N, C-alpha and C. Protein backbone atom coordinates (compact mmCIF):
# COMPACT_ATOMS: atom_id res chain seq x y z
N MET A 1 0.80 -1.43 -0.07
CA MET A 1 -0.03 0.27 -0.33
C MET A 1 0.77 1.33 0.11
N PRO A 2 0.84 1.99 -0.64
CA PRO A 2 1.17 3.47 -0.79
C PRO A 2 1.09 4.45 0.41
N ALA A 3 2.34 5.22 0.93
CA ALA A 3 2.55 5.88 2.11
C ALA A 3 1.27 6.68 2.01
N THR A 4 1.09 6.95 3.42
CA THR A 4 0.17 7.88 3.54
C THR A 4 0.56 9.15 3.06
N THR A 5 -0.55 10.10 2.55
CA THR A 5 -0.03 11.38 2.24
C THR A 5 -1.31 12.38 2.65
N HIS A 6 -2.27 11.95 3.09
CA HIS A 6 -3.78 12.56 3.58
C HIS A 6 -4.08 11.84 4.79
N LEU A 7 -4.24 12.34 5.99
CA LEU A 7 -5.00 11.65 7.04
C LEU A 7 -5.66 12.50 7.86
N LEU A 8 -7.22 11.49 7.93
CA LEU A 8 -8.33 12.19 8.83
C LEU A 8 -8.40 11.07 9.96
N TYR A 9 -8.39 12.25 11.10
CA TYR A 9 -8.79 11.70 12.43
C TYR A 9 -10.18 11.90 13.04
N LEU A 10 -11.00 10.93 13.09
CA LEU A 10 -12.43 11.08 13.99
C LEU A 10 -12.51 10.38 15.49
N HIS A 11 -13.05 11.49 16.06
CA HIS A 11 -13.48 11.40 17.18
C HIS A 11 -14.41 10.83 17.63
N GLY A 12 -14.71 10.11 19.26
CA GLY A 12 -15.70 9.51 19.52
C GLY A 12 -16.81 10.13 19.84
N PHE A 13 -17.95 9.64 20.43
CA PHE A 13 -19.17 10.07 20.77
C PHE A 13 -18.87 10.56 21.97
N ARG A 14 -19.21 12.01 22.00
CA ARG A 14 -18.88 13.20 23.47
C ARG A 14 -17.90 13.85 23.42
N SER A 15 -16.90 13.14 22.14
CA SER A 15 -15.68 13.67 22.39
C SER A 15 -15.22 15.06 21.26
N SER A 16 -14.23 15.06 21.04
CA SER A 16 -13.89 16.37 20.09
C SER A 16 -12.31 16.26 19.72
N PRO A 17 -11.88 17.08 18.46
CA PRO A 17 -10.36 17.08 18.13
C PRO A 17 -9.83 17.43 19.50
N GLN A 18 -10.07 17.86 20.31
CA GLN A 18 -9.40 17.82 21.81
C GLN A 18 -8.78 17.12 22.60
N SER A 19 -9.69 15.87 21.99
CA SER A 19 -9.23 14.50 22.87
C SER A 19 -7.66 14.20 22.71
N PHE A 20 -7.20 13.52 24.28
CA PHE A 20 -5.91 13.16 24.09
C PHE A 20 -5.04 12.60 22.54
N LYS A 21 -6.03 11.37 22.62
CA LYS A 21 -5.28 10.66 21.07
C LYS A 21 -5.36 11.70 20.07
N ALA A 22 -6.49 12.03 20.02
CA ALA A 22 -6.38 13.31 18.56
C ALA A 22 -5.47 14.51 18.72
N ARG A 23 -4.88 14.68 19.89
CA ARG A 23 -3.94 15.75 20.00
C ARG A 23 -2.58 15.27 20.12
N MET A 24 -2.74 13.78 20.37
CA MET A 24 -1.16 13.17 20.56
C MET A 24 -0.66 13.19 18.75
N VAL A 25 -2.02 12.71 17.91
CA VAL A 25 -1.50 12.08 16.65
C VAL A 25 -1.16 13.60 15.99
N ALA A 26 -2.10 14.82 16.01
CA ALA A 26 -1.90 16.25 15.79
C ALA A 26 -0.74 16.27 16.12
N ASP A 27 0.01 16.51 17.19
CA ASP A 27 1.27 17.04 17.44
C ASP A 27 2.43 16.28 16.67
N TRP A 28 2.28 14.92 17.07
CA TRP A 28 2.98 14.20 16.02
C TRP A 28 3.41 14.40 14.81
N MET A 29 2.22 14.55 14.16
CA MET A 29 1.94 15.01 12.54
C MET A 29 2.77 16.57 12.42
N ALA A 30 2.60 17.35 12.99
CA ALA A 30 2.95 18.58 13.13
C ALA A 30 4.25 18.95 13.20
N GLN A 31 4.93 18.01 14.06
CA GLN A 31 6.27 17.88 14.20
C GLN A 31 6.61 17.14 13.52
N GLN A 32 6.40 15.97 13.08
CA GLN A 32 7.49 14.91 12.12
C GLN A 32 6.82 14.74 10.92
N ARG A 33 5.50 15.17 10.28
CA ARG A 33 5.23 14.79 9.24
C ARG A 33 4.19 16.44 8.64
N PRO A 34 4.92 17.34 8.64
CA PRO A 34 4.19 18.60 8.41
C PRO A 34 3.95 18.39 6.50
N ASP A 35 4.23 17.71 5.78
CA ASP A 35 3.84 17.32 4.61
C ASP A 35 2.62 16.56 4.28
N VAL A 36 2.40 16.24 5.07
CA VAL A 36 1.14 15.59 5.11
C VAL A 36 -0.24 16.03 5.49
N HIS A 37 -1.40 15.98 4.65
CA HIS A 37 -2.41 16.65 4.43
C HIS A 37 -3.53 16.03 6.00
N TRP A 38 -3.44 17.01 7.22
CA TRP A 38 -4.03 16.45 8.36
C TRP A 38 -5.58 17.06 8.59
N TRP A 39 -6.28 16.49 8.94
CA TRP A 39 -7.40 16.93 9.26
C TRP A 39 -8.46 16.36 9.94
N CYS A 40 -8.68 17.07 11.22
CA CYS A 40 -9.45 16.44 12.75
C CYS A 40 -10.60 17.30 12.81
N PRO A 41 -11.76 16.88 12.29
CA PRO A 41 -12.85 17.61 11.93
C PRO A 41 -13.58 17.68 13.28
N GLN A 42 -14.48 18.45 13.91
CA GLN A 42 -15.58 18.32 14.87
C GLN A 42 -16.67 17.59 14.39
N LEU A 43 -17.36 16.66 15.11
CA LEU A 43 -18.17 16.11 14.21
C LEU A 43 -19.30 16.11 14.68
N PRO A 44 -20.48 16.47 13.69
CA PRO A 44 -21.92 16.68 14.05
C PRO A 44 -22.72 15.52 14.82
N ALA A 45 -23.52 16.19 15.82
CA ALA A 45 -23.87 14.94 16.45
C ALA A 45 -24.93 13.67 15.44
N SER A 46 -25.47 14.29 14.38
CA SER A 46 -26.19 13.62 13.73
C SER A 46 -25.26 12.66 12.70
N PRO A 47 -25.71 11.37 12.89
CA PRO A 47 -24.67 10.31 11.98
C PRO A 47 -24.59 10.92 10.46
N SER A 48 -25.69 11.11 9.97
CA SER A 48 -25.82 11.65 8.60
C SER A 48 -25.13 12.47 8.21
N GLU A 49 -25.30 13.55 8.89
CA GLU A 49 -24.62 14.74 8.97
C GLU A 49 -22.77 14.78 9.02
N ALA A 50 -22.84 13.78 9.51
CA ALA A 50 -21.30 13.47 9.96
C ALA A 50 -20.41 12.97 8.71
N MET A 51 -21.51 11.54 8.45
CA MET A 51 -21.17 11.13 7.18
C MET A 51 -20.69 12.09 5.98
N ALA A 52 -21.98 13.02 6.06
CA ALA A 52 -21.68 13.84 4.49
C ALA A 52 -21.08 15.03 4.90
N LEU A 53 -20.48 15.30 5.92
CA LEU A 53 -19.35 15.96 6.64
C LEU A 53 -18.27 15.42 5.88
N LEU A 54 -17.76 14.35 6.33
CA LEU A 54 -16.61 13.60 5.57
C LEU A 54 -16.24 13.24 4.28
N GLN A 55 -17.46 12.78 3.74
CA GLN A 55 -17.57 12.56 2.10
C GLN A 55 -17.15 13.80 1.33
N THR A 56 -17.70 14.87 2.01
CA THR A 56 -17.10 16.11 1.09
C THR A 56 -16.18 16.26 1.21
N GLY A 57 -15.79 16.69 2.31
CA GLY A 57 -14.37 16.97 2.92
C GLY A 57 -13.28 16.50 2.50
N VAL A 58 -13.27 14.68 2.07
CA VAL A 58 -12.35 13.94 1.50
C VAL A 58 -12.46 14.01 -0.04
N ALA A 59 -13.43 14.09 -0.66
CA ALA A 59 -14.03 14.21 -2.00
C ALA A 59 -13.11 14.05 -2.97
N GLN A 60 -11.89 15.39 -2.94
CA GLN A 60 -10.69 14.95 -3.46
C GLN A 60 -9.19 14.67 -3.36
N TRP A 61 -9.80 14.15 -2.06
CA TRP A 61 -8.33 13.45 -1.62
C TRP A 61 -8.11 11.98 -2.37
N PRO A 62 -6.60 11.92 -2.95
CA PRO A 62 -6.32 10.55 -3.33
C PRO A 62 -6.80 8.97 -2.54
N ARG A 63 -7.36 8.48 -3.02
CA ARG A 63 -7.84 6.92 -2.23
C ARG A 63 -6.77 6.49 -1.97
N SER A 64 -5.90 6.29 -2.95
CA SER A 64 -4.83 5.16 -2.44
C SER A 64 -3.62 5.28 -1.43
N SER A 65 -3.66 6.93 -1.24
CA SER A 65 -2.78 7.14 -0.06
C SER A 65 -3.28 7.94 1.00
N MET A 66 -5.00 7.73 1.22
CA MET A 66 -5.41 8.70 2.31
C MET A 66 -5.60 7.49 3.25
N ALA A 67 -5.83 8.19 4.24
CA ALA A 67 -6.05 7.12 5.44
C ALA A 67 -7.09 7.54 6.24
N VAL A 68 -7.91 6.91 7.44
CA VAL A 68 -8.64 7.34 8.26
C VAL A 68 -8.41 6.71 9.81
N VAL A 69 -8.28 7.66 10.52
CA VAL A 69 -8.16 6.49 12.11
C VAL A 69 -9.20 7.41 12.64
N GLY A 70 -10.22 6.56 13.21
CA GLY A 70 -11.28 6.45 14.10
C GLY A 70 -11.09 5.84 15.18
N SER A 71 -11.42 6.94 16.57
CA SER A 71 -11.68 5.98 17.83
C SER A 71 -13.26 5.59 18.23
N SER A 72 -13.80 4.75 18.94
CA SER A 72 -14.66 4.29 19.48
C SER A 72 -15.64 4.61 18.10
N LEU A 73 -16.73 5.67 18.69
CA LEU A 73 -17.93 5.61 17.36
C LEU A 73 -16.98 6.37 16.19
N GLY A 74 -16.34 6.98 16.21
CA GLY A 74 -15.12 7.49 15.18
C GLY A 74 -14.73 6.25 14.34
N GLY A 75 -14.26 4.85 14.69
CA GLY A 75 -14.15 3.90 14.54
C GLY A 75 -14.98 3.14 13.70
N PHE A 76 -16.43 3.49 14.14
CA PHE A 76 -17.45 2.75 12.89
C PHE A 76 -17.82 4.03 11.90
N TYR A 77 -17.44 4.98 12.13
CA TYR A 77 -17.78 5.85 10.77
C TYR A 77 -16.65 6.03 10.14
N ALA A 78 -15.34 5.47 10.56
CA ALA A 78 -14.29 5.27 9.57
C ALA A 78 -13.93 3.70 9.20
N THR A 79 -14.83 3.13 9.13
CA THR A 79 -14.98 1.74 8.83
C THR A 79 -15.83 1.89 7.63
N ALA A 80 -16.93 2.66 7.98
CA ALA A 80 -17.81 3.04 6.81
C ALA A 80 -17.02 3.81 5.51
N LEU A 81 -16.56 4.73 6.19
CA LEU A 81 -15.79 5.38 5.01
C LEU A 81 -14.71 4.71 3.87
N ALA A 82 -14.13 3.83 5.22
CA ALA A 82 -12.64 3.41 4.45
C ALA A 82 -13.16 2.16 3.65
N CYS A 83 -14.49 1.51 3.94
CA CYS A 83 -15.02 0.87 2.95
C CYS A 83 -15.70 1.21 1.56
N ARG A 84 -16.07 2.45 1.74
CA ARG A 84 -17.17 3.08 0.81
C ARG A 84 -15.92 3.26 -0.39
N LEU A 85 -14.94 4.08 -0.03
CA LEU A 85 -13.72 4.71 -0.71
C LEU A 85 -12.44 3.70 -0.99
N GLY A 86 -12.30 2.56 -0.22
CA GLY A 86 -10.91 1.38 -0.06
C GLY A 86 -9.97 2.18 0.30
N CYS A 87 -9.98 2.99 1.09
CA CYS A 87 -8.62 3.30 1.86
C CYS A 87 -8.37 3.15 2.81
N LYS A 88 -7.32 3.12 3.37
CA LYS A 88 -6.67 2.62 4.25
C LYS A 88 -7.42 2.68 5.86
N ALA A 89 -7.64 2.52 7.08
CA ALA A 89 -8.12 2.96 8.22
C ALA A 89 -7.54 1.94 9.56
N VAL A 90 -7.47 3.13 10.62
CA VAL A 90 -6.87 2.52 11.79
C VAL A 90 -7.95 2.97 12.85
N LEU A 91 -8.51 1.60 13.85
CA LEU A 91 -9.55 1.67 14.34
C LEU A 91 -9.26 1.78 15.61
N LEU A 92 -9.32 2.55 17.01
CA LEU A 92 -9.12 2.17 17.97
C LEU A 92 -10.30 2.26 19.14
N ASN A 93 -10.49 0.89 19.92
CA ASN A 93 -11.86 0.35 20.18
C ASN A 93 -12.73 0.60 19.46
N PRO A 94 -13.20 0.63 18.19
CA PRO A 94 -14.13 1.06 17.15
C PRO A 94 -15.21 0.51 17.64
N ALA A 95 -16.34 1.31 17.80
CA ALA A 95 -17.98 0.85 18.14
C ALA A 95 -18.32 -0.18 17.03
N VAL A 96 -19.05 -1.21 17.32
CA VAL A 96 -19.15 -2.28 16.02
C VAL A 96 -21.07 -2.20 15.96
N GLN A 97 -21.34 -1.67 17.13
CA GLN A 97 -23.01 -1.86 16.84
C GLN A 97 -23.52 -0.49 17.94
N PRO A 98 -23.04 0.77 17.09
CA PRO A 98 -23.66 1.74 17.80
C PRO A 98 -24.86 2.20 17.91
N ALA A 99 -25.81 1.60 16.90
CA ALA A 99 -27.31 1.67 16.80
C ALA A 99 -27.85 1.07 18.30
N ARG A 100 -27.34 0.09 18.37
CA ARG A 100 -27.89 -0.86 19.64
C ARG A 100 -27.25 0.19 20.97
N ASP A 101 -26.12 0.38 20.98
CA ASP A 101 -25.35 0.55 22.16
C ASP A 101 -25.48 2.00 22.62
N LEU A 102 -26.34 2.83 21.48
CA LEU A 102 -26.34 4.75 21.75
C LEU A 102 -27.86 4.58 22.40
N GLU A 103 -29.13 3.78 22.38
CA GLU A 103 -29.92 4.05 22.29
C GLU A 103 -30.73 4.55 23.62
N ARG A 104 -29.56 3.93 24.77
CA ARG A 104 -29.76 4.33 26.33
C ARG A 104 -29.12 6.02 26.51
N HIS A 105 -28.54 6.53 25.28
CA HIS A 105 -27.77 7.68 25.34
C HIS A 105 -28.65 8.85 24.88
N ILE A 106 -29.84 8.58 24.32
CA ILE A 106 -30.74 9.73 23.91
C ILE A 106 -30.73 10.43 25.01
N GLY A 107 -30.65 12.47 24.42
CA GLY A 107 -30.74 13.26 25.16
C GLY A 107 -29.37 14.27 25.22
N GLU A 108 -29.65 14.73 26.37
CA GLU A 108 -28.46 16.08 26.12
C GLU A 108 -27.31 15.68 27.27
N HIS A 109 -25.87 15.97 26.39
CA HIS A 109 -24.50 15.72 27.28
C HIS A 109 -23.70 16.56 27.11
N ALA A 110 -22.78 16.42 27.66
CA ALA A 110 -21.51 17.31 27.87
C ALA A 110 -20.61 17.23 26.89
N VAL A 111 -19.71 17.65 26.36
CA VAL A 111 -18.44 17.14 25.70
C VAL A 111 -17.66 16.82 26.57
N TRP A 112 -16.58 15.48 26.62
CA TRP A 112 -15.48 15.53 27.46
C TRP A 112 -14.88 16.43 27.69
N GLN A 113 -14.29 16.90 26.83
CA GLN A 113 -13.15 18.04 26.97
C GLN A 113 -13.67 19.18 27.31
N GLN A 114 -14.74 19.93 26.68
CA GLN A 114 -15.33 21.39 27.12
C GLN A 114 -16.80 20.94 27.76
N PRO A 115 -16.84 20.75 29.05
CA PRO A 115 -18.19 20.27 29.93
C PRO A 115 -19.23 21.58 29.64
N ASP A 116 -18.75 23.09 29.24
CA ASP A 116 -19.79 23.76 29.04
C ASP A 116 -20.46 23.93 27.62
N GLU A 117 -19.95 22.85 26.75
CA GLU A 117 -20.45 22.76 25.56
C GLU A 117 -21.52 21.25 25.78
N LYS A 118 -22.39 21.26 25.09
CA LYS A 118 -23.45 19.94 24.90
C LYS A 118 -23.92 19.83 23.70
N ILE A 119 -24.13 18.45 23.10
CA ILE A 119 -24.61 17.90 22.51
C ILE A 119 -26.08 17.19 22.48
N PHE A 120 -27.03 17.24 21.18
CA PHE A 120 -28.43 16.38 21.70
C PHE A 120 -28.14 15.44 21.13
N PHE A 121 -28.30 14.21 21.59
CA PHE A 121 -28.51 12.81 20.89
C PHE A 121 -29.63 12.75 20.53
N GLN A 122 -30.10 12.72 18.97
CA GLN A 122 -32.01 12.56 19.32
C GLN A 122 -31.89 11.16 18.92
N ALA A 123 -33.48 10.85 19.48
CA ALA A 123 -33.74 9.46 18.85
C ALA A 123 -33.75 9.30 17.80
N SER A 124 -33.84 10.09 16.66
CA SER A 124 -33.66 9.34 15.02
C SER A 124 -32.53 9.39 14.56
N PHE A 125 -31.22 9.85 15.39
CA PHE A 125 -29.88 9.61 15.17
C PHE A 125 -29.88 7.86 15.19
N ILE A 126 -30.63 7.05 15.89
CA ILE A 126 -30.48 5.93 15.97
C ILE A 126 -30.49 5.04 14.55
N GLU A 127 -31.71 5.38 14.21
CA GLU A 127 -31.87 5.25 12.71
C GLU A 127 -30.97 5.64 11.49
N GLU A 128 -30.64 6.41 11.68
CA GLU A 128 -29.20 7.20 11.06
C GLU A 128 -28.15 6.07 11.12
N LEU A 129 -27.85 5.97 12.20
CA LEU A 129 -26.77 5.07 12.40
C LEU A 129 -27.28 3.61 11.92
N ARG A 130 -28.02 3.12 11.76
CA ARG A 130 -28.54 1.91 10.95
C ARG A 130 -28.59 1.73 9.50
N ARG A 131 -28.70 3.05 9.18
CA ARG A 131 -28.49 3.42 7.69
C ARG A 131 -27.08 3.23 7.38
N ILE A 132 -25.93 3.67 8.04
CA ILE A 132 -24.97 3.67 7.78
C ILE A 132 -24.31 2.11 7.53
N GLY A 133 -24.78 1.42 8.41
CA GLY A 133 -24.19 0.07 8.89
C GLY A 133 -24.96 -0.71 7.14
N THR A 134 -24.69 -2.07 7.61
CA THR A 134 -25.44 -2.95 6.37
C THR A 134 -26.59 -3.41 6.83
N PRO A 135 -27.68 -3.36 5.84
CA PRO A 135 -29.08 -3.68 6.44
C PRO A 135 -28.95 -5.04 6.84
N ASP A 136 -28.59 -5.88 6.56
CA ASP A 136 -28.78 -7.34 6.97
C ASP A 136 -28.07 -7.45 8.19
N MET A 137 -27.33 -6.76 8.58
CA MET A 137 -26.25 -6.66 10.01
C MET A 137 -26.94 -5.74 11.10
N ARG A 138 -28.26 -5.46 10.82
CA ARG A 138 -29.01 -4.29 12.04
C ARG A 138 -28.20 -3.41 12.34
N GLY A 139 -27.56 -2.48 11.46
CA GLY A 139 -26.45 -1.44 11.86
C GLY A 139 -24.93 -1.69 12.08
N ALA A 140 -24.63 -2.93 12.02
CA ALA A 140 -23.63 -3.32 11.56
C ALA A 140 -22.51 -3.04 10.51
N LEU A 141 -21.66 -3.15 10.48
CA LEU A 141 -20.83 -3.32 8.89
C LEU A 141 -20.12 -4.59 8.78
N HIS A 142 -20.13 -4.56 7.43
CA HIS A 142 -19.68 -5.74 6.75
C HIS A 142 -18.27 -5.47 6.19
N ILE A 143 -17.51 -5.87 6.55
CA ILE A 143 -16.33 -5.82 5.86
C ILE A 143 -15.50 -7.25 4.92
N SER A 144 -15.37 -6.98 3.41
CA SER A 144 -14.84 -7.54 2.60
C SER A 144 -13.51 -8.31 2.92
N GLU A 145 -13.11 -9.00 2.39
CA GLU A 145 -11.82 -9.88 2.55
C GLU A 145 -10.78 -8.76 1.99
N GLN A 146 -11.28 -8.18 0.79
CA GLN A 146 -10.09 -7.42 -0.04
C GLN A 146 -9.59 -6.45 1.23
N MET A 147 -10.97 -5.73 1.74
CA MET A 147 -10.47 -4.71 2.55
C MET A 147 -10.21 -5.02 4.05
N LYS A 148 -9.90 -6.23 4.65
CA LYS A 148 -9.65 -6.34 5.98
C LYS A 148 -7.79 -6.27 5.95
N ALA A 149 -6.88 -6.38 4.94
CA ALA A 149 -5.55 -6.15 4.39
C ALA A 149 -5.48 -4.58 5.22
N LYS A 150 -6.30 -3.59 4.51
CA LYS A 150 -6.19 -2.01 4.98
C LYS A 150 -6.70 -1.66 6.23
N ILE A 151 -7.30 -2.51 7.05
CA ILE A 151 -7.61 -2.34 8.65
C ILE A 151 -6.85 -2.32 9.62
N PHE A 152 -6.84 -1.61 10.39
CA PHE A 152 -5.55 -2.31 11.33
C PHE A 152 -6.33 -1.36 12.67
N THR A 153 -6.26 -2.55 13.73
CA THR A 153 -7.20 -2.47 14.84
C THR A 153 -6.53 -2.51 15.96
N VAL A 154 -6.73 -1.60 17.21
CA VAL A 154 -5.84 -1.24 18.12
C VAL A 154 -7.51 -1.81 19.21
N ILE A 155 -7.24 -3.01 19.70
CA ILE A 155 -8.80 -3.28 20.86
C ILE A 155 -8.02 -3.76 22.14
N ALA A 156 -8.57 -2.89 23.21
CA ALA A 156 -8.05 -3.45 24.39
C ALA A 156 -9.05 -4.18 25.22
N LYS A 157 -8.62 -5.11 25.53
CA LYS A 157 -9.37 -6.19 26.62
C LYS A 157 -9.79 -5.70 27.60
N GLY A 158 -9.36 -4.68 28.21
CA GLY A 158 -10.17 -4.02 29.58
C GLY A 158 -10.83 -2.47 29.03
N ASP A 159 -11.44 -2.52 27.62
CA ASP A 159 -12.42 -1.26 27.55
C ASP A 159 -13.58 -1.77 28.40
N GLU A 160 -13.82 -0.50 29.32
CA GLU A 160 -14.77 -0.69 30.24
C GLU A 160 -16.46 -0.53 29.62
N LEU A 161 -16.44 -0.08 28.37
CA LEU A 161 -17.85 0.36 27.55
C LEU A 161 -18.30 -0.55 26.42
N LEU A 162 -17.23 -0.98 25.68
CA LEU A 162 -17.48 -1.68 24.71
C LEU A 162 -17.06 -3.36 24.67
N SER A 163 -17.51 -4.16 24.23
CA SER A 163 -17.19 -5.49 23.88
C SER A 163 -15.89 -6.09 23.18
N TRP A 164 -14.79 -6.36 24.02
CA TRP A 164 -13.55 -6.37 22.85
C TRP A 164 -14.02 -7.67 22.29
N ARG A 165 -14.34 -8.51 22.85
CA ARG A 165 -14.75 -9.73 21.97
C ARG A 165 -15.59 -9.47 20.77
N GLU A 166 -16.62 -8.68 20.82
CA GLU A 166 -17.46 -7.99 19.64
C GLU A 166 -16.55 -7.63 18.60
N MET A 167 -15.70 -6.78 19.36
CA MET A 167 -14.56 -5.68 18.40
C MET A 167 -13.81 -6.78 17.71
N GLN A 168 -13.16 -8.16 18.48
CA GLN A 168 -12.39 -9.11 17.49
C GLN A 168 -13.28 -9.81 16.46
N ALA A 169 -14.02 -10.15 17.16
CA ALA A 169 -15.14 -11.08 16.04
C ALA A 169 -15.32 -10.11 14.68
N ALA A 170 -15.58 -8.61 15.08
CA ALA A 170 -16.01 -8.02 13.84
C ALA A 170 -15.31 -7.94 12.76
N TYR A 171 -13.75 -7.32 13.33
CA TYR A 171 -12.76 -7.34 12.59
C TYR A 171 -11.40 -8.47 12.78
N ALA A 172 -12.14 -9.37 12.33
CA ALA A 172 -11.65 -11.22 12.65
C ALA A 172 -10.70 -11.14 11.27
N GLY A 173 -9.60 -10.84 11.43
CA GLY A 173 -8.79 -11.16 10.05
C GLY A 173 -7.90 -9.80 9.73
N CYS A 174 -8.13 -9.11 10.35
CA CYS A 174 -7.74 -7.82 10.18
C CYS A 174 -6.40 -7.38 11.04
N PRO A 175 -5.12 -6.68 10.42
CA PRO A 175 -3.96 -6.92 11.50
C PRO A 175 -4.11 -5.71 12.76
N GLY A 176 -3.29 -6.07 13.49
CA GLY A 176 -3.80 -4.93 14.62
C GLY A 176 -3.19 -5.44 16.04
N LEU A 177 -3.50 -4.89 17.15
CA LEU A 177 -2.78 -5.10 18.34
C LEU A 177 -4.08 -5.44 19.26
N LEU A 178 -3.89 -6.51 20.26
CA LEU A 178 -5.28 -6.92 21.10
C LEU A 178 -4.48 -6.95 22.27
N LEU A 179 -4.79 -5.91 23.51
CA LEU A 179 -3.88 -5.37 24.62
C LEU A 179 -4.43 -6.15 25.52
N GLU A 180 -4.02 -6.60 26.59
CA GLU A 180 -4.44 -7.50 27.42
C GLU A 180 -5.33 -6.57 28.41
N GLY A 181 -4.60 -5.45 28.50
CA GLY A 181 -5.62 -4.49 29.88
C GLY A 181 -6.06 -3.12 28.90
N SER A 182 -5.47 -1.98 29.49
CA SER A 182 -6.12 -0.89 29.03
C SER A 182 -7.13 -0.79 29.26
N ASP A 183 -7.82 0.36 28.24
CA ASP A 183 -9.40 1.10 29.03
C ASP A 183 -9.75 1.52 27.35
N HIS A 184 -11.18 1.96 27.69
CA HIS A 184 -11.62 2.16 26.37
C HIS A 184 -10.89 3.55 25.48
N GLY A 185 -10.34 4.58 26.61
CA GLY A 185 -10.09 5.50 26.10
C GLY A 185 -8.39 5.33 25.71
N LEU A 186 -7.88 4.23 25.86
CA LEU A 186 -6.41 3.95 25.89
C LEU A 186 -5.49 4.82 26.24
N SER A 187 -5.91 4.95 27.61
CA SER A 187 -4.61 5.79 28.22
C SER A 187 -3.68 5.65 28.20
N GLY A 188 -2.70 4.50 27.65
CA GLY A 188 -1.59 4.33 27.00
C GLY A 188 -1.07 4.29 25.60
N PHE A 189 -2.07 5.09 24.94
CA PHE A 189 -1.89 5.16 23.21
C PHE A 189 -0.66 5.50 23.02
N ALA A 190 0.52 6.38 23.57
CA ALA A 190 1.68 6.39 23.62
C ALA A 190 2.55 5.06 23.03
N GLU A 191 2.01 4.18 23.53
CA GLU A 191 2.52 2.72 23.64
C GLU A 191 2.49 2.11 22.18
N GLN A 192 1.15 2.33 21.86
CA GLN A 192 0.68 1.86 20.56
C GLN A 192 0.76 2.80 19.03
N LEU A 193 1.10 4.17 19.44
CA LEU A 193 0.78 4.54 17.95
C LEU A 193 2.48 4.25 17.37
N PRO A 194 3.44 4.00 18.06
CA PRO A 194 4.18 3.80 16.86
C PRO A 194 3.96 2.47 16.12
N ALA A 195 3.18 1.80 16.47
CA ALA A 195 2.55 0.69 15.33
C ALA A 195 1.55 1.21 14.43
N VAL A 196 0.73 1.97 14.94
CA VAL A 196 -0.25 3.07 13.78
C VAL A 196 0.86 3.32 12.77
N LEU A 197 1.56 4.26 13.53
CA LEU A 197 2.25 5.03 12.05
C LEU A 197 2.82 4.78 11.46
N GLN A 198 3.38 3.32 12.00
CA GLN A 198 4.40 2.18 11.12
C GLN A 198 2.93 1.46 9.81
N PHE A 199 1.77 1.22 10.12
CA PHE A 199 1.01 0.85 9.58
C PHE A 199 0.55 1.49 8.21
N LEU A 200 0.56 2.72 8.78
CA LEU A 200 0.23 3.96 7.87
C LEU A 200 1.43 4.56 6.89
N GLN A 201 2.54 3.89 7.11
CA GLN A 201 4.08 4.16 6.84
C GLN A 201 3.95 5.39 6.71
N LEU A 202 3.96 6.22 7.83
CA LEU A 202 4.41 7.13 8.29
C LEU A 202 5.78 7.74 8.88
N ALA A 203 6.08 6.43 9.44
CA ALA A 203 7.13 6.66 10.51
C ALA A 203 7.84 5.33 10.03
């Protein structure tokens, strides 16, 4: 696969471009690879609006040398985008069934990094998530055998929010790291970053 020339980072539910993983990657890119086009947008709460924003934003990017990194819900979006475009993706504790898991989170929430900022997750967003997924998988995503080599996963057995077994099953056959401990936010992400950068051929 060609080296990455354009990199997109997608944060998770209730998160932002100020998440520590997003900032860690952004700082590394600015210092080590300023030649690579970097984009880390604030995603709308609406899944359909988020996907529309992303598809418009990368419309002119080269498919063979672009890549997307996604964390949690951002990992779900990253999978959908990568499968549609045929590009590389790195998934950090990706949400596998967000339409199911987020049903209990309908309502107003504070953004983790900016508690004074609020998002409202509407009931209609559940159906939007289902439409992003493969219909016969009830909101989940189907990954072709051809795409599996282009997807790198970092999955933590210590994830307190999502099932690592479900993630492992959904991305079976993809290269990646299975961490014995850690947590949903991958608090030790600095240790996994070199493997991520190597997969993306950035370092």
